[in-house]
Amino acid sequence: MSNFFSIEEIQGQDTALQYIRHYVKSPHMIPPLLVFYGPASVGKWALAERFSRHILCLTGTGCGICQSCKSFINNQHPDYIVFPSNQRIAIGDDKDPAEFTVRWLQNRRLNYRPHLSKYRIILFPDASLINNEAESALLKSLEEPPAHSRFIFIVDDLMKLKQTIISRAICIPFQYLNKQVLQSLSADLQLYREDFFGGSLIPYDIPSEVITLTREMISKNLKDSILLLQLENWIREYKDDHPEWTEDFDYTEFLELVSTIMIYEFSKENIEDNSAQIEMLYNFKNHLHKNIPGLEHFLLSELFHKLTRE
């Protein structure tokens, strides 16, 4: 069997691979729900995809040549259901649920036998997007799942899932990648990297030229109160004028990038001298992650007001 698209391609996640190798050898032991949790861009989705192809393979080897593997490679496998990774997941209407809602899954997919493979895999690439009502509705499916269906939830933080969900899952931890693995993967995949990416391979779904420009603006303007005001205006106006990021612009993700770079720049020097500013930025991040619509401008103004007073 070729190593292409094999679980063994995943580097730096020895603990997670121990779980997955066990389940590959004994598919009947796979629990109804696996939760892959840990930092962004460290291999959770990549391993979930490879594991799914292996389990769905008609030979049980991830051969790459059977009808199941070919369908998987062509993104046409009828027994591999991947929910959206960029929109909220709702419970859905009782009588006519929209596609990729929980009731659509339960009424139109879950209780029917798989079309091609022995199993059906349902993957939620970002399980934090499942709203409360939908998450509660999923509990019954997880308590009494069809014998042929398996769920995989991916999440960066287990606290984003209900405890009742976690208690029904085998939770598989992922960790930040070490420097050697990062260098190897970046070279092999020809990936753009910055030091502040830390142990994640590609932590932002943002064009590299935007990241470079943002870091240049912050490094030039961060240490002076007057220049800080210019930086705030540039950040605020970028939402309306972003020629380097013409598609799928996400202002919240942009602000997440900005705050991460600012923390990195403050940390490069004496951390103790800049501890107050770093604390402000972490508080900004925490409020930003509450995802309250329209709050971004207020949080940005509040942050820079505090920074210019330090």
Protein backbone atom coordinates (compact mmCIF):
# COMPACT_ATOMS: atom_id res chain seq x y z
CA MET A 1 0.00 0.00 0.00
CA SER A 2 1.32 3.49 -0.86
CA ASN A 3 2.04 5.95 1.96
CA PHE A 4 0.21 8.65 -0.02
CA PHE A 5 -2.68 9.93 2.10
CA SER A 6 -1.73 7.47 4.84
CA ILE A 7 -2.18 8.14 8.56
CA GLU A 8 1.60 7.73 8.80
CA GLU A 9 2.02 11.03 6.92
CA ILE A 10 0.91 12.82 10.10
CA GLN A 11 3.93 14.07 12.05
CA GLY A 12 4.35 15.27 15.62
CA GLN A 13 1.16 13.68 17.00
CA ASP A 14 2.37 10.41 18.54
CA THR A 15 -0.41 10.20 21.14
CA ALA A 16 -3.19 10.69 18.60
CA LEU A 17 -1.59 8.19 16.25
CA GLN A 18 -1.52 5.54 18.99
CA TYR A 19 -5.31 5.78 19.25
CA ILE A 20 -5.82 5.77 15.49
CA ARG A 21 -3.50 2.84 14.81
CA HIS A 22 -5.44 0.83 17.37
CA TYR A 23 -8.78 1.65 15.73
CA VAL A 24 -7.43 0.96 12.24
CA LYS A 25 -6.45 -2.55 13.36
CA SER A 26 -9.77 -3.09 15.18
CA PRO A 27 -12.52 -1.06 13.45
CA HIS A 28 -15.20 -2.84 15.50
CA MET A 29 -13.69 -1.11 18.56
CA ILE A 30 -14.25 2.41 17.21
CA PRO A 31 -16.66 4.20 19.58
CA PRO A 32 -19.70 6.10 18.26
CA LEU A 33 -17.91 9.42 18.78
CA LEU A 34 -14.28 10.42 18.56
CA VAL A 35 -13.34 13.98 19.51
CA PHE A 36 -10.07 15.29 18.09
CA TYR A 37 -9.09 18.30 20.21
CA GLY A 38 -6.11 20.61 20.38
CA PRO A 39 -4.55 23.69 18.76
CA ALA A 40 -5.43 24.84 15.27
CA SER A 41 -3.44 23.66 12.27
CA VAL A 42 -1.56 20.77 13.88
CA GLY A 43 -3.06 17.87 11.90
CA LYS A 44 -6.51 17.14 13.38
CA TRP A 45 -8.46 17.43 10.12
CA ALA A 46 -5.69 15.79 8.08
CA LEU A 47 -5.66 12.75 10.37
CA ALA A 48 -9.48 12.59 10.46
CA GLU A 49 -9.57 12.46 6.65
CA ARG A 50 -6.92 9.76 6.39
CA PHE A 51 -8.50 7.71 9.15
CA SER A 52 -11.92 7.98 7.49
CA ARG A 53 -10.61 6.83 4.12
CA HIS A 54 -8.92 3.85 5.77
CA ILE A 55 -12.06 2.80 7.66
CA LEU A 56 -14.29 3.20 4.59
CA CYS A 57 -11.89 1.26 2.33
CA LEU A 58 -13.45 -1.96 1.03
CA THR A 59 -10.23 -3.87 1.76
CA GLY A 60 -9.72 -2.29 5.17
CA THR A 61 -6.27 -1.07 4.19
CA GLY A 62 -6.79 2.38 2.66
CA CYS A 63 -5.63 0.79 -0.59
CA GLY A 64 -6.33 3.78 -2.82
CA ILE A 65 -7.63 1.61 -5.69
CA CYS A 66 -10.96 0.16 -4.54
CA GLN A 67 -14.26 1.84 -5.42
CA SER A 68 -14.51 3.34 -1.94
CA CYS A 69 -11.02 4.85 -2.01
CA LYS A 70 -11.53 6.24 -5.52
CA SER A 71 -14.84 7.81 -4.48
CA PHE A 72 -13.18 9.29 -1.40
CA ILE A 73 -10.30 10.74 -3.41
CA ASN A 74 -12.80 12.33 -5.81
CA ASN A 75 -14.82 13.83 -2.93
CA GLN A 76 -17.83 11.74 -3.95
CA HIS A 77 -18.04 9.12 -1.23
CA PRO A 78 -21.71 8.64 -0.27
CA ASP A 79 -20.81 7.36 3.21
CA TYR A 80 -18.48 10.21 4.16
CA ILE A 81 -20.53 13.18 5.37
CA VAL A 82 -18.58 16.35 6.11
CA PHE A 83 -20.46 19.23 7.72
CA PRO A 84 -19.51 22.85 6.88
CA SER A 85 -16.52 24.31 8.67
CA ASN A 86 -17.51 27.95 8.25
CA GLN A 87 -21.14 28.30 9.31
CA ARG A 88 -23.33 27.61 12.32
CA ILE A 89 -24.97 24.19 12.38
CA ALA A 90 -28.63 24.29 13.36
CA ILE A 91 -31.12 21.63 14.42
CA GLY A 92 -33.26 22.06 11.29
CA ASP A 93 -36.97 21.99 10.56
CA ASP A 94 -39.05 18.99 11.70
CA LYS A 95 -40.72 18.23 8.37
CA ASP A 96 -38.33 19.55 5.75
CA PRO A 97 -34.88 20.08 7.29
CA ALA A 98 -32.25 21.89 5.28
CA GLU A 99 -29.13 20.03 4.21
CA PHE A 100 -26.41 19.83 6.85
CA THR A 101 -28.70 20.37 9.78
CA VAL A 102 -28.95 17.82 12.57
CA ARG A 103 -32.48 16.73 11.65
CA TRP A 104 -31.44 16.32 8.01
CA LEU A 105 -28.68 14.00 9.21
CA GLN A 106 -31.00 12.04 11.49
CA ASN A 107 -33.96 11.81 9.11
CA ARG A 108 -32.26 11.48 5.73
CA ARG A 109 -28.91 9.79 6.37
CA LEU A 110 -28.16 8.32 9.76
CA ASN A 111 -30.65 5.46 9.99
CA TYR A 112 -30.15 4.17 6.46
CA ARG A 113 -27.49 1.60 5.71
CA PRO A 114 -24.28 2.82 4.05
CA HIS A 115 -24.35 2.85 0.26
CA LEU A 116 -20.84 1.64 -0.46
CA SER A 117 -18.79 0.88 2.64
CA LYS A 118 -19.33 -1.11 5.80
CA TYR A 119 -19.37 2.10 7.84
CA ARG A 120 -20.56 5.69 7.53
CA ILE A 121 -18.36 8.50 8.87
CA ILE A 122 -19.88 11.84 9.90
CA LEU A 123 -17.24 14.52 10.34
CA PHE A 124 -17.74 17.91 11.99
CA PRO A 125 -14.55 19.86 11.12
CA ASP A 126 -15.44 22.53 13.69
CA ALA A 127 -17.83 21.09 16.26
CA SER A 128 -17.93 24.41 18.13
CA LEU A 129 -20.25 25.62 15.33
CA ILE A 130 -23.03 23.25 16.43
CA ASN A 131 -25.57 25.42 18.23
CA ASN A 132 -27.00 24.45 21.62
CA GLU A 133 -30.30 23.08 20.33
CA ALA A 134 -28.60 21.03 17.61
CA GLU A 135 -26.01 19.71 20.05
CA SER A 136 -28.75 18.56 22.42
CA ALA A 137 -30.59 16.86 19.56
CA LEU A 138 -27.42 14.94 18.66
CA LEU A 139 -27.28 13.35 22.10
CA LYS A 140 -29.88 10.72 21.23
CA SER A 141 -27.95 9.72 18.11
CA LEU A 142 -24.80 9.38 20.17
CA GLU A 143 -26.54 7.39 22.90
CA GLU A 144 -28.18 4.95 20.48
CA PRO A 145 -26.17 5.19 17.24
CA PRO A 146 -26.75 2.90 14.29
CA ALA A 147 -24.15 0.13 14.29
CA HIS A 148 -22.69 1.34 10.99
CA SER A 149 -22.28 5.06 11.81
CA ARG A 150 -19.34 6.79 13.49
CA PHE A 151 -18.93 10.46 14.39
CA ILE A 152 -15.74 12.53 14.47
CA PHE A 153 -15.86 15.95 16.10
CA ILE A 154 -12.93 18.36 15.71
CA VAL A 155 -12.54 21.21 18.18
CA ASP A 156 -9.70 23.31 19.53
CA ASP A 157 -11.06 23.40 23.08
CA LEU A 158 -13.13 20.68 24.78
CA MET A 159 -14.88 23.37 26.83
CA LYS A 160 -16.71 24.38 23.65
CA LEU A 161 -18.68 21.11 23.80
CA LYS A 162 -21.36 20.12 26.28
CA GLN A 163 -20.16 17.83 29.04
CA THR A 164 -22.91 15.40 28.04
CA ILE A 165 -21.27 15.16 24.60
CA ILE A 166 -17.77 14.74 26.01
CA SER A 167 -18.92 11.99 28.36
CA ARG A 168 -20.06 9.92 25.36
CA ALA A 169 -16.79 10.30 23.44
CA ILE A 170 -13.25 9.08 23.32
CA CYS A 171 -11.31 12.34 23.31
CA ILE A 172 -8.02 12.23 21.39
CA PRO A 173 -5.50 14.99 22.23
CA PHE A 174 -3.36 16.87 19.73
CA GLN A 175 -0.42 19.09 20.64
CA TYR A 176 1.57 21.94 19.16
CA LEU A 177 4.19 20.79 16.66
CA ASN A 178 7.84 21.04 17.65
CA LYS A 179 10.31 23.15 15.69
CA GLN A 180 11.86 20.23 13.83
CA VAL A 181 8.51 18.94 12.57
CA LEU A 182 7.42 22.45 11.61
CA GLN A 183 10.57 23.03 9.58
CA SER A 184 10.24 19.65 7.87
CA LEU A 185 6.57 20.07 6.97
CA SER A 186 6.99 23.68 5.87
CA ALA A 187 9.83 22.70 3.56
CA ASP A 188 8.03 19.66 2.15
CA LEU A 189 4.79 21.55 1.56
CA GLN A 190 6.46 24.85 0.63
CA LEU A 191 4.44 26.72 3.22
CA TYR A 192 4.77 30.35 4.26
CA ARG A 193 5.68 30.69 7.96
CA GLU A 194 6.20 33.41 10.54
CA ASP A 195 7.80 33.04 13.97
CA PHE A 196 4.58 34.03 15.75
CA PHE A 197 2.76 31.05 14.22
CA GLY A 198 4.19 29.12 17.15
CA GLY A 199 3.56 25.38 17.06
CA SER A 200 0.82 25.53 14.41
CA LEU A 201 1.47 24.95 10.73
CA ILE A 202 -1.06 27.37 9.19
CA PRO A 203 -2.99 28.99 12.07
CA TYR A 204 -4.73 31.60 9.90
CA ASP A 205 -6.78 31.26 6.75
CA ILE A 206 -5.38 34.58 5.59
CA PRO A 207 -3.30 35.40 2.48
CA SER A 208 0.42 35.51 3.27
CA GLU A 209 0.78 39.02 1.85
CA VAL A 210 -1.84 40.26 4.36
CA ILE A 211 0.08 38.66 7.23
CA THR A 212 3.38 40.20 6.05
CA LEU A 213 1.84 43.65 5.61
CA THR A 214 0.12 43.51 8.99
CA ARG A 215 3.33 42.54 10.78
CA GLU A 216 5.21 45.39 9.07
CA MET A 217 2.57 47.92 10.10
CA ILE A 218 2.52 46.74 13.70
CA SER A 219 6.30 46.58 14.12
CA LYS A 220 6.67 50.15 12.79
CA ASN A 221 3.89 51.72 14.86
CA LEU A 222 3.59 49.77 18.09
CA LYS A 223 6.01 51.61 20.38
CA ASP A 224 4.77 55.21 20.07
CA SER A 225 1.42 56.54 21.33
CA ILE A 226 0.87 58.80 18.30
CA LEU A 227 1.80 56.05 15.86
CA LEU A 228 -0.51 53.70 17.78
CA LEU A 229 -3.45 55.92 16.80
CA GLN A 230 -2.37 55.66 13.16
CA LEU A 231 -2.17 51.90 13.54
CA GLU A 232 -5.68 51.78 15.00
CA ASN A 233 -7.04 53.73 12.04
CA TRP A 234 -5.24 51.44 9.58
CA ILE A 235 -6.73 48.35 11.27
CA ARG A 236 -10.20 49.88 11.35
CA GLU A 237 -10.11 50.96 7.70
CA TYR A 238 -8.69 47.68 6.49
CA LYS A 239 -12.14 46.14 6.78
CA ASP A 240 -13.37 48.44 3.99
CA ASP A 241 -10.23 48.50 1.87
CA HIS A 242 -8.50 45.15 1.62
CA PRO A 243 -7.08 44.66 -1.88
CA GLU A 244 -4.81 41.85 -0.66
CA TRP A 245 -7.75 39.90 0.74
CA THR A 246 -10.54 40.14 -1.80
CA GLU A 247 -12.45 36.94 -1.01
CA ASP A 248 -13.97 35.64 2.22
CA PHE A 249 -12.63 38.52 4.31
CA ASP A 250 -13.17 37.80 8.01
CA TYR A 251 -12.74 40.84 10.24
CA THR A 252 -12.71 38.80 13.45
CA GLU A 253 -9.92 36.58 12.14
CA PHE A 254 -8.04 39.69 11.03
CA LEU A 255 -8.29 41.12 14.54
CA GLU A 256 -7.14 37.78 15.95
CA LEU A 257 -4.07 38.02 13.70
CA VAL A 258 -3.44 41.62 14.75
CA SER A 259 -3.59 40.83 18.46
CA THR A 260 -1.33 37.78 18.10
CA ILE A 261 1.33 39.82 16.27
CA MET A 262 1.10 42.57 18.89
CA ILE A 263 1.60 40.06 21.71
CA TYR A 264 4.57 38.61 19.85
CA GLU A 265 6.15 42.05 19.33
CA PHE A 266 5.68 43.04 22.98
CA SER A 267 7.11 39.69 24.09
CA LYS A 268 10.28 40.03 22.00
CA GLU A 269 11.67 42.55 24.48
CA ASN A 270 11.43 42.56 28.27
CA ILE A 271 8.15 40.76 28.94
CA GLU A 272 7.91 42.17 32.47
CA ASP A 273 8.09 45.74 31.18
CA ASN A 274 5.29 45.00 28.69
CA SER A 275 3.19 42.71 30.91
CA ALA A 276 0.34 45.23 31.20
CA GLN A 277 0.03 45.59 27.42
CA ILE A 278 0.19 41.84 26.91
CA GLU A 279 -2.56 41.34 29.50
CA MET A 280 -4.73 43.90 27.68
CA LEU A 281 -4.28 42.01 24.43
CA TYR A 282 -5.20 38.66 25.99
CA ASN A 283 -8.35 40.25 27.43
CA PHE A 284 -9.11 41.63 23.97
CA LYS A 285 -8.79 38.13 22.51
CA ASN A 286 -11.09 36.66 25.16
CA HIS A 287 -13.84 39.19 24.42
CA LEU A 288 -13.34 38.80 20.67
CA HIS A 289 -13.98 35.05 20.94
CA LYS A 290 -17.41 35.66 22.45
CA ASN A 291 -18.54 36.32 18.85
CA ILE A 292 -20.94 39.14 19.71
CA PRO A 293 -21.92 40.81 16.38
CA GLY A 294 -20.90 44.45 16.05
CA LEU A 295 -18.64 44.43 19.11
CA GLU A 296 -15.34 44.47 17.19
CA HIS A 297 -15.08 48.26 16.75
CA PHE A 298 -15.85 48.90 20.41
CA LEU A 299 -13.27 46.35 21.56
CA LEU A 300 -10.67 47.80 19.18
CA SER A 301 -11.25 51.37 20.43
CA GLU A 302 -11.11 50.22 24.04
CA LEU A 303 -7.87 48.31 23.46
CA PHE A 304 -6.02 51.19 21.80
CA HIS A 305 -7.32 53.69 24.34
CA LYS A 306 -5.73 51.59 27.08
CA LEU A 307 -2.52 51.02 25.14
CA THR A 308 -1.96 54.73 24.49
CA ARG A 309 -2.34 55.45 28.23
CA GLU A 310 0.43 53.04 29.19
